[in-house]
PDB file of N, CA and C in Angstrom:
ATOM      1  N   MET A   1     -17.814   1.699 -10.117  1.00  0.00           N
ATOM      2  CA  MET A   1     -16.978   0.640  -9.623  1.00  0.00           C
ATOM      3  C   MET A   1     -16.991   0.659  -8.094  1.00  0.00           C
ATOM      4  N   ASN A   2     -17.216  -0.471  -7.506  1.00  0.00           N
ATOM      5  CA  ASN A   2     -17.253  -0.609  -6.052  1.00  0.00           C
ATOM      6  C   ASN A   2     -15.848  -0.927  -5.544  1.00  0.00           C
ATOM      7  N   LEU A   3     -15.202   0.033  -4.884  1.00  0.00           N
ATOM      8  CA  LEU A   3     -13.836  -0.158  -4.397  1.00  0.00           C
ATOM      9  C   LEU A   3     -13.754  -1.142  -3.243  1.00  0.00           C
ATOM     10  N   GLU A   4     -14.892  -1.514  -2.679  1.00  0.00           N
ATOM     11  CA  GLU A   4     -14.906  -2.461  -1.573  1.00  0.00           C
ATOM     12  C   GLU A   4     -15.358  -3.852  -2.001  1.00  0.00           C
ATOM     13  N   SER A   5     -15.439  -4.089  -3.303  1.00  0.00           N
ATOM     14  CA  SER A   5     -15.868  -5.406  -3.770  1.00  0.00           C
ATOM     15  C   SER A   5     -14.822  -6.450  -3.387  1.00  0.00           C
ATOM     16  N   THR A   6     -15.277  -7.627  -3.091  1.00  0.00           N
ATOM     17  CA  THR A   6     -14.386  -8.703  -2.671  1.00  0.00           C
ATOM     18  C   THR A   6     -13.351  -9.004  -3.737  1.00  0.00           C
ATOM     19  N   ALA A   7     -13.770  -9.050  -4.989  1.00  0.00           N
ATOM     20  CA  ALA A   7     -12.842  -9.374  -6.074  1.00  0.00           C
ATOM     21  C   ALA A   7     -11.717  -8.341  -6.170  1.00  0.00           C
ATOM     22  N   LEU A   8     -12.049  -7.083  -6.070  1.00  0.00           N
ATOM     23  CA  LEU A   8     -11.040  -6.025  -6.161  1.00  0.00           C
ATOM     24  C   LEU A   8     -10.080  -6.076  -4.982  1.00  0.00           C
ATOM     25  N   VAL A   9     -10.598  -6.340  -3.803  1.00  0.00           N
ATOM     26  CA  VAL A   9      -9.745  -6.448  -2.617  1.00  0.00           C
ATOM     27  C   VAL A   9      -8.802  -7.641  -2.747  1.00  0.00           C
ATOM     28  N   VAL A  10      -9.299  -8.758  -3.257  1.00  0.00           N
ATOM     29  CA  VAL A  10      -8.464  -9.950  -3.433  1.00  0.00           C
ATOM     30  C   VAL A  10      -7.371  -9.679  -4.468  1.00  0.00           C
ATOM     31  N   VAL A  11      -7.721  -9.043  -5.582  1.00  0.00           N
ATOM     32  CA  VAL A  11      -6.731  -8.727  -6.616  1.00  0.00           C
ATOM     33  C   VAL A  11      -5.658  -7.790  -6.057  1.00  0.00           C
ATOM     34  N   ALA A  12      -6.068  -6.785  -5.290  1.00  0.00           N
ATOM     35  CA  ALA A  12      -5.110  -5.851  -4.696  1.00  0.00           C
ATOM     36  C   ALA A  12      -4.194  -6.571  -3.705  1.00  0.00           C
ATOM     37  N   ALA A  13      -4.743  -7.470  -2.908  1.00  0.00           N
ATOM     38  CA  ALA A  13      -3.933  -8.218  -1.942  1.00  0.00           C
ATOM     39  C   ALA A  13      -2.936  -9.126  -2.655  1.00  0.00           C
ATOM     40  N   ILE A  14      -3.371  -9.778  -3.714  1.00  0.00           N
ATOM     41  CA  ILE A  14      -2.468 -10.643  -4.485  1.00  0.00           C
ATOM     42  C   ILE A  14      -1.368  -9.813  -5.139  1.00  0.00           C
ATOM     43  N   ALA A  15      -1.732  -8.655  -5.689  1.00  0.00           N
ATOM     44  CA  ALA A  15      -0.731  -7.772  -6.302  1.00  0.00           C
ATOM     45  C   ALA A  15       0.287  -7.304  -5.265  1.00  0.00           C
ATOM     46  N   ALA A  16      -0.173  -6.947  -4.083  1.00  0.00           N
ATOM     47  CA  ALA A  16       0.733  -6.497  -3.025  1.00  0.00           C
ATOM     48  C   ALA A  16       1.674  -7.620  -2.606  1.00  0.00           C
ATOM     49  N   LEU A  17       1.149  -8.815  -2.444  1.00  0.00           N
ATOM     50  CA  LEU A  17       1.993  -9.952  -2.073  1.00  0.00           C
ATOM     51  C   LEU A  17       2.990 -10.292  -3.172  1.00  0.00           C
ATOM     52  N   ALA A  18       2.555 -10.207  -4.422  1.00  0.00           N
ATOM     53  CA  ALA A  18       3.457 -10.472  -5.551  1.00  0.00           C
ATOM     54  C   ALA A  18       4.578  -9.439  -5.594  1.00  0.00           C
ATOM     55  N   LEU A  19       4.241  -8.169  -5.428  1.00  0.00           N
ATOM     56  CA  LEU A  19       5.273  -7.130  -5.407  1.00  0.00           C
ATOM     57  C   LEU A  19       6.243  -7.333  -4.247  1.00  0.00           C
ATOM     58  N   ALA A  20       5.725  -7.703  -3.087  1.00  0.00           N
ATOM     59  CA  ALA A  20       6.591  -7.949  -1.936  1.00  0.00           C
ATOM     60  C   ALA A  20       7.545  -9.108  -2.221  1.00  0.00           C
ATOM     61  N   ALA A  21       7.031 -10.174  -2.795  1.00  0.00           N
ATOM     62  CA  ALA A  21       7.874 -11.321  -3.115  1.00  0.00           C
ATOM     63  C   ALA A  21       8.923 -10.964  -4.169  1.00  0.00           C
ATOM     64  N   LEU A  22       8.515 -10.241  -5.186  1.00  0.00           N
ATOM     65  CA  LEU A  22       9.448  -9.860  -6.254  1.00  0.00           C
ATOM     66  C   LEU A  22      10.536  -8.918  -5.755  1.00  0.00           C
ATOM     67  N   THR A  23      10.154  -7.936  -4.931  1.00  0.00           N
ATOM     68  CA  THR A  23      11.154  -6.993  -4.440  1.00  0.00           C
ATOM     69  C   THR A  23      12.116  -7.643  -3.438  1.00  0.00           C
ATOM     70  N   SER A  24      11.669  -8.693  -2.763  1.00  0.00           N
ATOM     71  CA  SER A  24      12.584  -9.378  -1.852  1.00  0.00           C
ATOM     72  C   SER A  24      13.582 -10.242  -2.624  1.00  0.00           C
ATOM     73  N   ARG A  25      13.202 -10.619  -3.826  1.00  0.00           N
ATOM     74  CA  ARG A  25      14.075 -11.476  -4.646  1.00  0.00           C
ATOM     75  C   ARG A  25      14.979 -10.669  -5.573  1.00  0.00           C
ATOM     76  N   TRP A  26      14.426  -9.622  -6.220  1.00  0.00           N
ATOM     77  CA  TRP A  26      15.191  -8.829  -7.178  1.00  0.00           C
ATOM     78  C   TRP A  26      15.185  -7.371  -6.760  1.00  0.00           C
ATOM     79  N   ASN A  27      16.348  -6.780  -6.725  1.00  0.00           N
ATOM     80  CA  ASN A  27      16.518  -5.389  -6.317  1.00  0.00           C
ATOM     81  C   ASN A  27      16.610  -4.508  -7.573  1.00  0.00           C
ATOM     82  N   LEU A  28      15.536  -4.459  -8.347  1.00  0.00           N
ATOM     83  CA  LEU A  28      15.521  -3.694  -9.600  1.00  0.00           C
ATOM     84  C   LEU A  28      14.808  -2.366  -9.400  1.00  0.00           C
ATOM     85  N   ARG A  29      15.387  -1.318  -9.967  1.00  0.00           N
ATOM     86  CA  ARG A  29      14.866   0.039  -9.785  1.00  0.00           C
ATOM     87  C   ARG A  29      13.392   0.150 -10.186  1.00  0.00           C
ATOM     88  N   LEU A  30      13.029  -0.327 -11.369  1.00  0.00           N
ATOM     89  CA  LEU A  30      11.645  -0.199 -11.836  1.00  0.00           C
ATOM     90  C   LEU A  30      10.674  -0.944 -10.923  1.00  0.00           C
ATOM     91  N   LEU A  31      11.073  -2.104 -10.475  1.00  0.00           N
ATOM     92  CA  LEU A  31      10.228  -2.895  -9.578  1.00  0.00           C
ATOM     93  C   LEU A  31      10.041  -2.187  -8.236  1.00  0.00           C
ATOM     94  N   LEU A  32      11.109  -1.607  -7.710  1.00  0.00           N
ATOM     95  CA  LEU A  32      11.019  -0.884  -6.437  1.00  0.00           C
ATOM     96  C   LEU A  32      10.169   0.378  -6.578  1.00  0.00           C
ATOM     97  N   LEU A  33      10.307   1.074  -7.698  1.00  0.00           N
ATOM     98  CA  LEU A  33       9.474   2.256  -7.926  1.00  0.00           C
ATOM     99  C   LEU A  33       7.996   1.878  -8.060  1.00  0.00           C
ATOM    100  N   ALA A  34       7.725   0.775  -8.748  1.00  0.00           N
ATOM    101  CA  ALA A  34       6.337   0.304  -8.878  1.00  0.00           C
ATOM    102  C   ALA A  34       5.764  -0.071  -7.515  1.00  0.00           C
ATOM    103  N   THR A  35       6.577  -0.717  -6.693  1.00  0.00           N
ATOM    104  CA  THR A  35       6.138  -1.088  -5.345  1.00  0.00           C
ATOM    105  C   THR A  35       5.841   0.151  -4.513  1.00  0.00           C
ATOM    106  N   GLY A  36       6.716   1.139  -4.606  1.00  0.00           N
ATOM    107  CA  GLY A  36       6.500   2.387  -3.875  1.00  0.00           C
ATOM    108  C   GLY A  36       5.255   3.113  -4.337  1.00  0.00           C
ATOM    109  N   ALA A  37       5.033   3.148  -5.639  1.00  0.00           N
ATOM    110  CA  ALA A  37       3.839   3.801  -6.177  1.00  0.00           C
ATOM    111  C   ALA A  37       2.576   3.065  -5.735  1.00  0.00           C
ATOM    112  N   PHE A  38       2.615   1.747  -5.782  1.00  0.00           N
ATOM    113  CA  PHE A  38       1.480   0.929  -5.344  1.00  0.00           C
ATOM    114  C   PHE A  38       1.161   1.217  -3.880  1.00  0.00           C
ATOM    115  N   ALA A  39       2.191   1.257  -3.049  1.00  0.00           N
ATOM    116  CA  ALA A  39       1.994   1.528  -1.621  1.00  0.00           C
ATOM    117  C   ALA A  39       1.453   2.931  -1.395  1.00  0.00           C
ATOM    118  N   ALA A  40       1.946   3.908  -2.150  1.00  0.00           N
ATOM    119  CA  ALA A  40       1.474   5.291  -1.998  1.00  0.00           C
ATOM    120  C   ALA A  40       0.007   5.427  -2.385  1.00  0.00           C
ATOM    121  N   VAL A  41      -0.386   4.783  -3.472  1.00  0.00           N
ATOM    122  CA  VAL A  41      -1.793   4.834  -3.904  1.00  0.00           C
ATOM    123  C   VAL A  41      -2.691   4.209  -2.834  1.00  0.00           C
ATOM    124  N   PHE A  42      -2.261   3.085  -2.290  1.00  0.00           N
ATOM    125  CA  PHE A  42      -3.090   2.448  -1.275  1.00  0.00           C
ATOM    126  C   PHE A  42      -3.092   3.221   0.036  1.00  0.00           C
ATOM    127  N   ALA A  43      -2.039   3.966   0.314  1.00  0.00           N
ATOM    128  CA  ALA A  43      -2.045   4.835   1.495  1.00  0.00           C
ATOM    129  C   ALA A  43      -3.135   5.891   1.364  1.00  0.00           C
ATOM    130  N   VAL A  44      -3.310   6.408   0.156  1.00  0.00           N
ATOM    131  CA  VAL A  44      -4.373   7.398  -0.082  1.00  0.00           C
ATOM    132  C   VAL A  44      -5.740   6.775   0.187  1.00  0.00           C
ATOM    133  N   PHE A  45      -5.956   5.561  -0.320  1.00  0.00           N
ATOM    134  CA  PHE A  45      -7.225   4.876  -0.062  1.00  0.00           C
ATOM    135  C   PHE A  45      -7.417   4.601   1.427  1.00  0.00           C
ATOM    136  N   ASP A  46      -6.334   4.236   2.104  1.00  0.00           N
ATOM    137  CA  ASP A  46      -6.414   3.963   3.545  1.00  0.00           C
ATOM    138  C   ASP A  46      -6.776   5.223   4.330  1.00  0.00           C
ATOM    139  N   ILE A  47      -6.214   6.354   3.938  1.00  0.00           N
ATOM    140  CA  ILE A  47      -6.533   7.614   4.618  1.00  0.00           C
ATOM    141  C   ILE A  47      -7.991   7.995   4.378  1.00  0.00           C
ATOM    142  N   ALA A  48      -8.474   7.776   3.151  1.00  0.00           N
ATOM    143  CA  ALA A  48      -9.892   8.029   2.871  1.00  0.00           C
ATOM    144  C   ALA A  48     -10.777   7.131   3.733  1.00  0.00           C
ATOM    145  N   GLU A  49     -10.365   5.883   3.891  1.00  0.00           N
ATOM    146  CA  GLU A  49     -11.120   4.959   4.743  1.00  0.00           C
ATOM    147  C   GLU A  49     -11.058   5.396   6.202  1.00  0.00           C
ATOM    148  N   LEU A  50      -9.924   5.890   6.645  1.00  0.00           N
ATOM    149  CA  LEU A  50      -9.776   6.405   8.002  1.00  0.00           C
ATOM    150  C   LEU A  50     -10.762   7.542   8.249  1.00  0.00           C
ATOM    151  N   VAL A  51     -10.829   8.478   7.327  1.00  0.00           N
ATOM    152  CA  VAL A  51     -11.760   9.607   7.463  1.00  0.00           C
ATOM    153  C   VAL A  51     -13.202   9.095   7.513  1.00  0.00           C
ATOM    154  N   HIS A  52     -13.515   8.150   6.634  1.00  0.00           N
ATOM    155  CA  HIS A  52     -14.876   7.591   6.607  1.00  0.00           C
ATOM    156  C   HIS A  52     -15.220   6.923   7.938  1.00  0.00           C
ATOM    157  N   GLN A  53     -14.302   6.145   8.474  1.00  0.00           N
ATOM    158  CA  GLN A  53     -14.571   5.440   9.732  1.00  0.00           C
ATOM    159  C   GLN A  53     -14.694   6.410  10.903  1.00  0.00           C
ATOM    160  N   ILE A  54     -13.927   7.488  10.877  1.00  0.00           N
ATOM    161  CA  ILE A  54     -14.061   8.511  11.922  1.00  0.00           C
ATOM    162  C   ILE A  54     -15.436   9.160  11.838  1.00  0.00           C
ATOM    163  N   GLN A  55     -15.889   9.459  10.630  1.00  0.00           N
ATOM    164  CA  GLN A  55     -17.209  10.069  10.452  1.00  0.00           C
ATOM    165  C   GLN A  55     -18.325   9.138  10.904  1.00  0.00           C
ATOM    166  N   GLU A  56     -18.096   7.839  10.783  1.00  0.00           N
ATOM    167  CA  GLU A  56     -19.087   6.850  11.215  1.00  0.00           C
ATOM    168  C   GLU A  56     -18.941   6.496  12.697  1.00  0.00           C
ATOM    169  N   SER A  57     -18.005   7.128  13.382  1.00  0.00           N
ATOM    170  CA  SER A  57     -17.732   6.889  14.813  1.00  0.00           C
ATOM    171  C   SER A  57     -17.362   5.436  15.101  1.00  0.00           C
ATOM    172  N   ARG A  58     -16.550   4.870  14.244  1.00  0.00           N
ATOM    173  CA  ARG A  58     -16.067   3.497  14.431  1.00  0.00           C
ATOM    174  C   ARG A  58     -14.583   3.557  14.789  1.00  0.00           C
ATOM    175  N   ALA A  59     -14.300   3.660  16.065  1.00  0.00           N
ATOM    176  CA  ALA A  59     -12.933   3.864  16.536  1.00  0.00           C
ATOM    177  C   ALA A  59     -12.010   2.699  16.184  1.00  0.00           C
ATOM    178  N   GLY A  60     -12.478   1.482  16.337  1.00  0.00           N
ATOM    179  CA  GLY A  60     -11.645   0.313  16.051  1.00  0.00           C
ATOM    180  C   GLY A  60     -11.259   0.234  14.589  1.00  0.00           C
ATOM    181  N   ALA A  61     -12.242   0.417  13.708  1.00  0.00           N
ATOM    182  CA  ALA A  61     -11.969   0.379  12.272  1.00  0.00           C
ATOM    183  C   ALA A  61     -11.086   1.554  11.865  1.00  0.00           C
ATOM    184  N   ALA A  62     -11.288   2.708  12.503  1.00  0.00           N
ATOM    185  CA  ALA A  62     -10.454   3.874  12.207  1.00  0.00           C
ATOM    186  C   ALA A  62      -9.008   3.616  12.621  1.00  0.00           C
ATOM    187  N   ALA A  63      -8.807   2.996  13.767  1.00  0.00           N
ATOM    188  CA  ALA A  63      -7.454   2.681  14.231  1.00  0.00           C
ATOM    189  C   ALA A  63      -6.768   1.698  13.284  1.00  0.00           C
ATOM    190  N   LEU A  64      -7.517   0.712  12.826  1.00  0.00           N
ATOM    191  CA  LEU A  64      -6.967  -0.253  11.874  1.00  0.00           C
ATOM    192  C   LEU A  64      -6.601   0.428  10.559  1.00  0.00           C
ATOM    193  N   ALA A  65      -7.486   1.280  10.048  1.00  0.00           N
ATOM    194  CA  ALA A  65      -7.208   2.008   8.810  1.00  0.00           C
ATOM    195  C   ALA A  65      -5.983   2.904   8.967  1.00  0.00           C
ATOM    196  N   ALA A  66      -5.835   3.529  10.130  1.00  0.00           N
ATOM    197  CA  ALA A  66      -4.675   4.386  10.384  1.00  0.00           C
ATOM    198  C   ALA A  66      -3.387   3.566  10.402  1.00  0.00           C
ATOM    199  N   ALA A  67      -3.430   2.427  11.058  1.00  0.00           N
ATOM    200  CA  ALA A  67      -2.244   1.568  11.132  1.00  0.00           C
ATOM    201  C   ALA A  67      -1.833   1.081   9.748  1.00  0.00           C
ATOM    202  N   ILE A  68      -2.801   0.679   8.950  1.00  0.00           N
ATOM    203  CA  ILE A  68      -2.496   0.200   7.599  1.00  0.00           C
ATOM    204  C   ILE A  68      -1.981   1.346   6.729  1.00  0.00           C
ATOM    205  N   ALA A  69      -2.543   2.530   6.896  1.00  0.00           N
ATOM    206  CA  ALA A  69      -2.059   3.696   6.145  1.00  0.00           C
ATOM    207  C   ALA A  69      -0.601   3.978   6.492  1.00  0.00           C
ATOM    208  N   VAL A  70      -0.268   3.911   7.765  1.00  0.00           N
ATOM    209  CA  VAL A  70       1.122   4.142   8.186  1.00  0.00           C
ATOM    210  C   VAL A  70       2.046   3.103   7.556  1.00  0.00           C
ATOM    211  N   LEU A  71       1.636   1.844   7.539  1.00  0.00           N
ATOM    212  CA  LEU A  71       2.452   0.794   6.929  1.00  0.00           C
ATOM    213  C   LEU A  71       2.663   1.052   5.438  1.00  0.00           C
ATOM    214  N   HIS A  72       1.603   1.462   4.755  1.00  0.00           N
ATOM    215  CA  HIS A  72       1.742   1.767   3.322  1.00  0.00           C
ATOM    216  C   HIS A  72       2.652   2.970   3.089  1.00  0.00           C
ATOM    217  N   ILE A  73       2.544   3.983   3.932  1.00  0.00           N
ATOM    218  CA  ILE A  73       3.405   5.161   3.795  1.00  0.00           C
ATOM    219  C   ILE A  73       4.865   4.774   4.034  1.00  0.00           C
ATOM    220  N   VAL A  74       5.108   3.972   5.045  1.00  0.00           N
ATOM    221  CA  VAL A  74       6.480   3.524   5.321  1.00  0.00           C
ATOM    222  C   VAL A  74       7.014   2.698   4.150  1.00  0.00           C
ATOM    223  N   ALA A  75       6.198   1.813   3.607  1.00  0.00           N
ATOM    224  CA  ALA A  75       6.633   1.004   2.459  1.00  0.00           C
ATOM    225  C   ALA A  75       6.988   1.890   1.272  1.00  0.00           C
ATOM    226  N   ALA A  76       6.178   2.914   1.027  1.00  0.00           N
ATOM    227  CA  ALA A  76       6.460   3.827  -0.085  1.00  0.00           C
ATOM    228  C   ALA A  76       7.758   4.592   0.161  1.00  0.00           C
ATOM    229  N   LEU A  77       7.966   5.052   1.389  1.00  0.00           N
ATOM    230  CA  LEU A  77       9.174   5.817   1.705  1.00  0.00           C
ATOM    231  C   LEU A  77      10.428   4.953   1.675  1.00  0.00           C
ATOM    232  N   VAL A  78      10.328   3.721   2.108  1.00  0.00           N
ATOM    233  CA  VAL A  78      11.483   2.832   2.130  1.00  0.00           C
ATOM    234  C   VAL A  78      11.859   2.399   0.712  1.00  0.00           C
ATOM    235  N   SER A  79      10.896   2.244  -0.160  1.00  0.00           N
ATOM    236  CA  SER A  79      11.197   1.767  -1.510  1.00  0.00           C
ATOM    237  C   SER A  79      11.939   2.811  -2.338  1.00  0.00           C
ATOM    238  N   GLU A  80      11.730   4.093  -2.073  1.00  0.00           N
ATOM    239  CA  GLU A  80      12.362   5.142  -2.885  1.00  0.00           C
ATOM    240  C   GLU A  80      13.878   5.141  -2.759  1.00  0.00           C
ATOM    241  N   PRO A  81      14.463   5.155  -1.549  1.00  0.00           N
ATOM    242  CA  PRO A  81      15.928   5.126  -1.470  1.00  0.00           C
ATOM    243  C   PRO A  81      16.524   3.834  -2.024  1.00  0.00           C
ATOM    244  N   ARG A  82      15.813   2.739  -1.823  1.00  0.00           N
ATOM    245  CA  ARG A  82      16.305   1.471  -2.381  1.00  0.00           C
ATOM    246  C   ARG A  82      16.304   1.527  -3.892  1.00  0.00           C
ATOM    247  N   ALA A  83      15.272   2.177  -4.487  1.00  0.00           N
ATOM    248  CA  ALA A  83      15.198   2.284  -5.942  1.00  0.00           C
ATOM    249  C   ALA A  83      16.328   3.156  -6.475  1.00  0.00           C
ATOM    250  N   THR A  84      16.673   4.198  -5.744  1.00  0.00           N
ATOM    251  CA  THR A  84      17.750   5.095  -6.162  1.00  0.00           C
ATOM    252  C   THR A  84      19.087   4.362  -6.190  1.00  0.00           C
ATOM    253  N   ALA A  85      19.292   3.462  -5.235  1.00  0.00           N
ATOM    254  CA  ALA A  85      20.556   2.733  -5.143  1.00  0.00           C
ATOM    255  C   ALA A  85      20.583   1.468  -5.997  1.00  0.00           C
ATOM    256  N   ALA A  86      19.433   1.031  -6.475  1.00  0.00           N
ATOM    257  CA  ALA A  86      19.343  -0.246  -7.210  1.00  0.00           C
ATOM    258  C   ALA A  86      19.806  -0.096  -8.657  1.00  0.00           C
ATOM    259  N   PRO A  87      20.289  -1.195  -9.234  1.00  0.00           N
ATOM    260  CA  PRO A  87      20.637  -1.163 -10.656  1.00  0.00           C
ATOM    261  C   PRO A  87      19.378  -1.076 -11.516  1.00  0.00           C
ATOM    262  N   SER A  88      19.546  -0.578 -12.709  1.00  0.00           N
ATOM    263  CA  SER A  88      18.390  -0.429 -13.629  1.00  0.00           C
ATOM    264  C   SER A  88      17.913  -1.760 -14.150  1.00  0.00           C
TER     265      SER A  88
END
């Protein structure tokens, strides 16, 4: 499976946008936990991409991958306390 295929990237982007829209509308524990898990998984992929770009000596792409990884990590961390406080 090619993790960089256009179709997979589009599906992941749509899923992320859908989760963002749903979590902004409904404060449900399961939804927030799913959003946090999704963000954490993508943070792992972003860090792998960061390492790859550093090995390829692509500073700009590495900086972008690092920034996106940080955003995913923050999203995962923010969703956990909200999930704890949210109704089931």
